[in-house]
Amino acid sequence: WYQRRVREAVVSTQSTGDFKAKYAGVSIPRPEDTHSAAIGAAEAEFKKDMAEYLAGAHERIAQFEASLAGLHAEKPLAEMTVAEYLADKPELREKIEADIESRAL
């Protein structure tokens, strides 16, 4: 029943031909691209900035690793006296001595 009655009425070659012709005649205007150049320039600038930042980050990492190696080379705090600890920290030694003198009776 569907094949004979409904399909023939709904799907006719004339209606599909009209639809195809109307669809082919439709043109959708595309907006002009005004932002791609600015986005590309911003991307290039960002990549340049990130390359500089990464170079600086690698330098800072090397400095931190050198500082950490120096800390690992020191004697453990549990085995160190106060005088040994303050031997390579003259600013801290002066501050502590000034603090002790200010509290003296």
N, C-alpha and C. Protein backbone atom coordinates (compact mmCIF):
# COMPACT_ATOMS: atom_id res chain seq x y z
N TRP A 1 0.83 -1.18 0.00
CA TRP A 1 0.00 0.00 0.00
C TRP A 1 0.88 1.24 0.00
N TYR A 2 1.91 1.29 0.85
CA TYR A 2 2.82 2.45 0.91
C TYR A 2 3.51 2.66 -0.43
N GLN A 3 3.98 1.57 -1.02
CA GLN A 3 4.69 1.67 -2.28
C GLN A 3 3.80 2.26 -3.38
N ARG A 4 2.57 1.86 -3.41
CA ARG A 4 1.71 2.28 -4.50
C ARG A 4 1.11 3.65 -4.30
N ARG A 5 0.67 3.97 -3.11
CA ARG A 5 -0.10 5.19 -2.92
C ARG A 5 0.73 6.34 -2.35
N VAL A 6 1.32 6.12 -1.20
CA VAL A 6 1.96 7.20 -0.46
C VAL A 6 3.28 7.62 -1.12
N ARG A 7 4.08 6.68 -1.42
CA ARG A 7 5.39 7.01 -1.96
C ARG A 7 5.28 7.72 -3.30
N GLU A 8 4.37 7.29 -4.13
CA GLU A 8 4.20 7.93 -5.42
C GLU A 8 3.71 9.36 -5.26
N ALA A 9 2.88 9.60 -4.29
CA ALA A 9 2.34 10.94 -4.08
C ALA A 9 3.39 11.86 -3.45
N VAL A 10 4.18 11.34 -2.56
CA VAL A 10 5.14 12.17 -1.83
C VAL A 10 6.43 12.35 -2.64
N VAL A 11 6.93 11.27 -3.14
CA VAL A 11 8.22 11.31 -3.82
C VAL A 11 7.98 11.19 -5.32
N SER A 12 7.81 12.29 -5.92
CA SER A 12 7.68 12.27 -7.37
C SER A 12 8.92 12.89 -7.97
N THR A 13 9.21 12.52 -9.18
CA THR A 13 10.41 13.04 -9.83
C THR A 13 10.30 14.54 -10.06
N GLN A 14 9.12 15.01 -10.24
CA GLN A 14 8.94 16.44 -10.46
C GLN A 14 9.25 17.23 -9.19
N SER A 15 8.78 16.75 -8.04
CA SER A 15 9.03 17.48 -6.79
C SER A 15 10.51 17.42 -6.42
N THR A 16 11.16 16.28 -6.63
CA THR A 16 12.59 16.21 -6.34
C THR A 16 13.39 17.05 -7.31
N GLY A 17 12.98 17.09 -8.56
CA GLY A 17 13.66 17.93 -9.54
C GLY A 17 13.53 19.40 -9.17
N ASP A 18 12.35 19.82 -8.74
CA ASP A 18 12.15 21.21 -8.31
C ASP A 18 13.01 21.53 -7.09
N PHE A 19 13.05 20.59 -6.17
CA PHE A 19 13.85 20.81 -4.97
C PHE A 19 15.33 20.94 -5.31
N LYS A 20 15.84 20.06 -6.17
CA LYS A 20 17.24 20.13 -6.57
C LYS A 20 17.55 21.44 -7.26
N ALA A 21 16.66 21.90 -8.11
CA ALA A 21 16.87 23.17 -8.82
C ALA A 21 16.88 24.34 -7.85
N LYS A 22 15.97 24.35 -6.91
CA LYS A 22 15.91 25.43 -5.92
C LYS A 22 17.14 25.39 -5.00
N TYR A 23 17.55 24.19 -4.62
CA TYR A 23 18.72 24.04 -3.75
C TYR A 23 19.99 24.50 -4.45
N ALA A 24 20.12 24.18 -5.72
CA ALA A 24 21.29 24.60 -6.49
C ALA A 24 21.31 26.11 -6.68
N GLY A 25 20.17 26.73 -6.69
CA GLY A 25 20.08 28.17 -6.87
C GLY A 25 20.36 28.98 -5.62
N VAL A 26 20.39 28.32 -4.50
CA VAL A 26 20.64 29.04 -3.24
C VAL A 26 22.13 29.32 -3.10
N SER A 27 22.45 30.55 -2.82
CA SER A 27 23.86 30.90 -2.55
C SER A 27 23.92 31.58 -1.19
N ILE A 28 24.83 31.10 -0.39
CA ILE A 28 25.00 31.65 0.95
C ILE A 28 26.23 32.55 0.93
N PRO A 29 26.05 33.83 1.23
CA PRO A 29 27.21 34.73 1.21
C PRO A 29 28.12 34.44 2.40
N ARG A 30 29.39 34.35 2.12
CA ARG A 30 30.38 34.14 3.17
C ARG A 30 30.89 35.49 3.65
N PRO A 31 31.02 35.66 4.96
CA PRO A 31 31.56 36.93 5.46
C PRO A 31 33.04 37.08 5.10
N GLU A 32 33.46 38.30 4.96
CA GLU A 32 34.86 38.57 4.62
C GLU A 32 35.74 38.25 5.82
N ASP A 33 36.88 37.62 5.56
CA ASP A 33 37.81 37.25 6.62
C ASP A 33 38.68 38.45 6.96
N THR A 34 38.43 39.04 8.12
CA THR A 34 39.19 40.22 8.54
C THR A 34 40.04 39.95 9.78
N HIS A 35 39.93 38.78 10.34
CA HIS A 35 40.61 38.52 11.61
C HIS A 35 41.75 37.51 11.53
N SER A 36 41.84 36.75 10.47
CA SER A 36 42.86 35.70 10.39
C SER A 36 44.28 36.26 10.45
N ALA A 37 44.52 37.38 9.82
CA ALA A 37 45.87 37.96 9.83
C ALA A 37 46.25 38.40 11.24
N ALA A 38 45.32 39.02 11.95
CA ALA A 38 45.60 39.46 13.32
C ALA A 38 45.82 38.26 14.24
N ILE A 39 45.03 37.22 14.05
CA ILE A 39 45.19 36.02 14.87
C ILE A 39 46.53 35.35 14.59
N GLY A 40 46.92 35.29 13.33
CA GLY A 40 48.21 34.72 12.97
C GLY A 40 49.37 35.50 13.56
N ALA A 41 49.26 36.84 13.54
CA ALA A 41 50.31 37.67 14.12
C ALA A 41 50.38 37.47 15.64
N ALA A 42 49.22 37.39 16.28
CA ALA A 42 49.19 37.18 17.73
C ALA A 42 49.77 35.80 18.08
N GLU A 43 49.49 34.81 17.25
CA GLU A 43 50.04 33.48 17.49
C GLU A 43 51.56 33.48 17.35
N ALA A 44 52.07 34.15 16.33
CA ALA A 44 53.52 34.22 16.14
C ALA A 44 54.18 34.94 17.31
N GLU A 45 53.59 36.02 17.77
CA GLU A 45 54.12 36.77 18.92
C GLU A 45 54.10 35.90 20.18
N PHE A 46 53.01 35.16 20.37
CA PHE A 46 52.89 34.28 21.53
C PHE A 46 53.97 33.19 21.49
N LYS A 47 54.19 32.60 20.31
CA LYS A 47 55.21 31.56 20.20
C LYS A 47 56.59 32.12 20.50
N LYS A 48 56.86 33.35 20.04
CA LYS A 48 58.15 33.98 20.31
C LYS A 48 58.31 34.24 21.81
N ASP A 49 57.26 34.76 22.44
CA ASP A 49 57.31 35.01 23.89
C ASP A 49 57.51 33.72 24.68
N MET A 50 56.83 32.66 24.27
CA MET A 50 56.96 31.38 24.98
C MET A 50 58.35 30.80 24.81
N ALA A 51 58.96 30.98 23.63
CA ALA A 51 60.32 30.49 23.42
C ALA A 51 61.29 31.22 24.35
N GLU A 52 61.12 32.54 24.48
CA GLU A 52 61.96 33.32 25.40
C GLU A 52 61.73 32.89 26.84
N TYR A 53 60.46 32.69 27.20
CA TYR A 53 60.14 32.28 28.57
C TYR A 53 60.75 30.92 28.88
N LEU A 54 60.66 29.99 27.93
CA LEU A 54 61.23 28.66 28.17
C LEU A 54 62.74 28.71 28.30
N ALA A 55 63.39 29.56 27.51
CA ALA A 55 64.85 29.70 27.63
C ALA A 55 65.20 30.22 29.03
N GLY A 56 64.46 31.23 29.50
CA GLY A 56 64.68 31.76 30.84
C GLY A 56 64.36 30.72 31.91
N ALA A 57 63.32 29.92 31.68
CA ALA A 57 62.95 28.90 32.65
C ALA A 57 64.05 27.85 32.78
N HIS A 58 64.65 27.49 31.65
CA HIS A 58 65.73 26.50 31.71
C HIS A 58 66.94 27.07 32.47
N GLU A 59 67.19 28.36 32.30
CA GLU A 59 68.28 28.99 33.05
C GLU A 59 67.98 28.99 34.54
N ARG A 60 66.74 29.34 34.90
CA ARG A 60 66.36 29.34 36.32
C ARG A 60 66.42 27.93 36.91
N ILE A 61 66.02 26.95 36.14
CA ILE A 61 66.09 25.56 36.62
C ILE A 61 67.53 25.17 36.89
N ALA A 62 68.43 25.58 36.00
CA ALA A 62 69.86 25.27 36.20
C ALA A 62 70.38 25.94 37.47
N GLN A 63 69.95 27.18 37.71
CA GLN A 63 70.37 27.88 38.94
C GLN A 63 69.83 27.18 40.18
N PHE A 64 68.57 26.78 40.14
CA PHE A 64 67.98 26.09 41.29
C PHE A 64 68.65 24.75 41.53
N GLU A 65 68.97 24.04 40.47
CA GLU A 65 69.64 22.75 40.63
C GLU A 65 71.04 22.94 41.22
N ALA A 66 71.73 24.04 40.83
CA ALA A 66 73.05 24.32 41.41
C ALA A 66 72.91 24.64 42.90
N SER A 67 71.89 25.43 43.25
CA SER A 67 71.65 25.74 44.67
C SER A 67 71.32 24.48 45.45
N LEU A 68 70.51 23.63 44.86
CA LEU A 68 70.13 22.38 45.52
C LEU A 68 71.33 21.47 45.69
N ALA A 69 72.20 21.44 44.70
CA ALA A 69 73.41 20.62 44.82
C ALA A 69 74.29 21.14 45.95
N GLY A 70 74.35 22.47 46.11
CA GLY A 70 75.10 23.05 47.22
C GLY A 70 74.51 22.67 48.56
N LEU A 71 73.19 22.65 48.65
CA LEU A 71 72.54 22.25 49.91
C LEU A 71 72.78 20.77 50.20
N HIS A 72 72.76 19.95 49.17
CA HIS A 72 73.02 18.52 49.38
C HIS A 72 74.48 18.27 49.79
N ALA A 73 75.37 19.15 49.37
CA ALA A 73 76.78 18.98 49.70
C ALA A 73 77.09 19.36 51.15
N GLU A 74 76.20 20.15 51.76
CA GLU A 74 76.43 20.56 53.15
C GLU A 74 76.26 19.38 54.11
N LYS A 75 76.82 19.56 55.25
CA LYS A 75 76.69 18.59 56.32
C LYS A 75 75.23 18.61 56.80
N PRO A 76 74.65 17.49 57.18
CA PRO A 76 73.28 17.48 57.68
C PRO A 76 73.14 18.37 58.92
N LEU A 77 72.01 19.04 59.04
CA LEU A 77 71.78 19.96 60.17
C LEU A 77 71.89 19.24 61.52
N ALA A 78 71.48 18.00 61.56
CA ALA A 78 71.53 17.27 62.83
C ALA A 78 72.96 17.06 63.31
N GLU A 79 73.91 17.07 62.40
CA GLU A 79 75.32 16.85 62.76
C GLU A 79 76.11 18.15 62.81
N MET A 80 75.48 19.29 62.62
CA MET A 80 76.18 20.57 62.51
C MET A 80 75.98 21.41 63.77
N THR A 81 77.01 22.14 64.16
CA THR A 81 76.89 23.07 65.28
C THR A 81 76.38 24.41 64.74
N VAL A 82 75.96 25.28 65.64
CA VAL A 82 75.47 26.60 65.23
C VAL A 82 76.60 27.38 64.58
N ALA A 83 77.79 27.30 65.13
CA ALA A 83 78.93 28.01 64.55
C ALA A 83 79.22 27.52 63.14
N GLU A 84 79.13 26.24 62.91
CA GLU A 84 79.36 25.70 61.56
C GLU A 84 78.27 26.17 60.60
N TYR A 85 77.04 26.22 61.08
CA TYR A 85 75.93 26.67 60.24
C TYR A 85 76.09 28.13 59.85
N LEU A 86 76.49 28.95 60.81
CA LEU A 86 76.61 30.39 60.55
C LEU A 86 77.93 30.78 59.88
N ALA A 87 78.84 29.85 59.71
CA ALA A 87 80.15 30.16 59.13
C ALA A 87 80.04 30.72 57.72
N ASP A 88 79.15 30.21 56.91
CA ASP A 88 79.02 30.70 55.54
C ASP A 88 77.81 31.62 55.36
N LYS A 89 77.22 32.08 56.49
CA LYS A 89 76.09 33.00 56.43
C LYS A 89 76.37 34.22 57.32
N PRO A 90 77.27 35.13 56.87
CA PRO A 90 77.67 36.25 57.73
C PRO A 90 76.52 37.22 58.04
N GLU A 91 75.59 37.40 57.12
CA GLU A 91 74.46 38.32 57.37
C GLU A 91 73.60 37.80 58.50
N LEU A 92 73.34 36.50 58.48
CA LEU A 92 72.52 35.89 59.53
C LEU A 92 73.27 35.92 60.86
N ARG A 93 74.59 35.70 60.85
CA ARG A 93 75.40 35.74 62.07
C ARG A 93 75.33 37.13 62.69
N GLU A 94 75.48 38.18 61.87
CA GLU A 94 75.42 39.56 62.38
C GLU A 94 74.05 39.87 62.95
N LYS A 95 73.00 39.43 62.29
CA LYS A 95 71.64 39.68 62.78
C LYS A 95 71.41 38.99 64.13
N ILE A 96 71.87 37.76 64.25
CA ILE A 96 71.69 37.03 65.51
C ILE A 96 72.50 37.69 66.62
N GLU A 97 73.75 38.07 66.31
CA GLU A 97 74.58 38.72 67.33
C GLU A 97 73.98 40.05 67.76
N ALA A 98 73.44 40.83 66.82
CA ALA A 98 72.79 42.10 67.16
C ALA A 98 71.56 41.85 68.02
N ASP A 99 70.82 40.81 67.69
CA ASP A 99 69.62 40.48 68.47
C ASP A 99 70.01 40.06 69.89
N ILE A 100 71.07 39.29 70.04
CA ILE A 100 71.53 38.86 71.35
C ILE A 100 72.00 40.06 72.18
N GLU A 101 72.74 40.97 71.54
CA GLU A 101 73.22 42.16 72.24
C GLU A 101 72.08 43.06 72.67
N SER A 102 71.05 43.17 71.86
CA SER A 102 69.91 44.03 72.22
C SER A 102 69.12 43.46 73.38
N ARG A 103 69.19 42.17 73.59
CA ARG A 103 68.45 41.54 74.69
C ARG A 103 69.29 41.35 75.94
N ALA A 104 70.58 41.68 75.86
CA ALA A 104 71.47 41.49 77.01
C ALA A 104 71.04 42.37 78.17
N LEU A 105 71.21 41.89 79.38
CA LEU A 105 70.81 42.64 80.57
C LEU A 105 71.88 43.57 81.02
